[in-house]
Amino acid sequence: MTQTELLRAQIPQISDGDAEFLLETAKSAINARRYPFGEPPDELERRYYNLQLRIAIELYNKRGAEGEVSHGENGISRGYSSAWVSEELLSEITPKAEIL
C-alpha cells in the first residue's frame, strides 16, 4: 500500500489531496530534523515511513486548533506542546551531519 492509502485507512474521510499535503508536510518536518545542515534526498528514508504517517495524523488532528495550549469541554481536555509537530515524535529522528 502507498503512504496515501495507509493514511486514508486511518482517516477514511480525508481526501487524496489533503492526505498528500499532510504526508508532504510530515516529510518536510522529518527531513528538516534529519538533515539540519544539508539538502535532503528527494525520497524519504523507508525507516521513517511509519513516523511520517503518525506525524500526518497528528497534524490532521490539530486542524482548526493550531497553537492551542489548553482546552477543556465536557470532561475532555487538550493541550498541545507545539503548534507544529510534537517534540515526542520529532525526537525519534536521528540528525545526520557530514564532517567538513
Protein backbone atom coordinates (compact mmCIF):
# COMPACT_ATOMS: atom_id res chain seq x y z
CA MET A 1 0.00 0.00 0.00
CA THR A 2 1.11 3.55 -0.62
CA GLN A 3 1.52 6.09 2.18
CA THR A 4 -1.61 7.89 0.95
CA GLU A 5 -3.63 4.66 1.09
CA LEU A 6 -2.33 3.90 4.58
CA LEU A 7 -3.26 7.38 5.77
CA ARG A 8 -6.71 7.11 4.20
CA ALA A 9 -7.17 3.78 6.02
CA GLN A 10 -6.51 5.61 9.31
CA ILE A 11 -8.60 8.68 8.38
CA PRO A 12 -11.29 7.48 5.92
CA GLN A 13 -12.91 10.90 5.49
CA ILE A 14 -9.72 12.61 4.25
CA SER A 15 -9.38 13.43 0.54
CA ASP A 16 -6.41 12.28 -1.50
CA GLY A 17 -5.27 15.89 -1.89
CA ASP A 18 -5.37 16.55 1.86
CA ALA A 19 -3.65 13.23 2.57
CA GLU A 20 -0.85 14.02 0.14
CA PHE A 21 -0.45 17.53 1.60
CA LEU A 22 -0.18 16.17 5.16
CA LEU A 23 2.27 13.46 4.10
CA GLU A 24 4.43 16.02 2.28
CA THR A 25 4.33 18.31 5.32
CA ALA A 26 5.31 15.41 7.58
CA LYS A 27 8.14 14.51 5.19
CA SER A 28 9.39 18.11 5.34
CA ALA A 29 9.33 18.04 9.15
CA ILE A 30 11.29 14.78 9.21
CA ASN A 31 13.85 16.00 6.66
CA ALA A 32 14.32 19.32 8.47
CA ARG A 33 15.30 17.42 11.63
CA ARG A 34 17.21 14.64 9.82
CA TYR A 35 19.32 16.93 7.60
CA PRO A 36 19.86 20.15 9.58
CA PHE A 37 22.99 21.15 7.66
CA GLY A 38 22.36 19.95 4.13
CA GLU A 39 19.93 19.24 1.37
CA PRO A 40 17.75 16.17 1.98
CA PRO A 41 17.27 13.50 -0.68
CA ASP A 42 14.10 13.54 -2.79
CA GLU A 43 12.77 10.35 -1.22
CA LEU A 44 12.09 9.85 2.47
CA GLU A 45 14.11 7.06 4.06
CA ARG A 46 11.96 3.94 4.46
CA ARG A 47 12.71 3.73 8.18
CA TYR A 48 10.72 6.96 8.67
CA TYR A 49 7.55 5.88 6.80
CA ASN A 50 5.67 4.96 9.97
CA LEU A 51 6.73 8.20 11.62
CA GLN A 52 5.56 10.13 8.57
CA LEU A 53 2.09 8.59 8.98
CA ARG A 54 1.98 9.37 12.70
CA ILE A 55 3.03 12.98 12.11
CA ALA A 56 0.43 13.36 9.34
CA ILE A 57 -2.26 12.01 11.69
CA GLU A 58 -1.15 14.40 14.43
CA LEU A 59 -1.27 17.35 12.02
CA TYR A 60 -4.73 16.29 10.85
CA ASN A 61 -5.98 16.05 14.43
CA LYS A 62 -4.71 19.56 15.19
CA ARG A 63 -6.55 21.19 12.26
CA GLY A 64 -8.64 24.07 13.47
CA ALA A 65 -6.88 24.10 16.82
CA GLU A 66 -3.34 25.03 15.76
CA GLY A 67 -1.43 26.58 18.62
CA GLU A 68 -3.97 25.52 21.21
CA VAL A 69 -2.28 25.44 24.58
CA SER A 70 -5.16 24.19 26.68
CA HIS A 71 -8.83 23.39 26.21
CA GLY A 72 -11.43 21.63 28.32
CA GLU A 73 -15.01 20.77 27.49
CA ASN A 74 -17.40 18.06 28.73
CA GLY A 75 -14.66 16.15 30.51
CA ILE A 76 -12.28 16.26 27.53
CA SER A 77 -9.14 18.32 27.83
CA ARG A 78 -6.49 19.06 25.22
CA GLY A 79 -3.15 20.80 25.43
CA TYR A 80 -0.55 20.96 22.70
CA SER A 81 3.11 21.40 23.47
CA SER A 82 3.67 22.68 19.93
CA ALA A 83 1.52 24.11 17.16
CA TRP A 84 3.75 22.30 14.68
CA VAL A 85 4.78 18.70 15.38
CA SER A 86 5.18 17.42 18.91
CA GLU A 87 8.68 17.02 20.22
CA GLU A 88 7.81 13.45 21.19
CA LEU A 89 7.55 12.49 17.52
CA LEU A 90 10.46 14.64 16.34
CA SER A 91 12.74 13.09 18.97
CA GLU A 92 12.55 9.79 17.04
CA ILE A 93 14.57 11.30 14.19
CA THR A 94 18.34 10.93 14.20
CA PRO A 95 20.02 14.03 12.73
CA LYS A 96 22.59 13.34 10.06
CA ALA A 97 25.60 15.57 9.57
CA GLU A 98 28.72 15.43 7.45
CA ILE A 99 32.26 16.10 8.54
CA LEU A 100 33.74 19.05 6.70
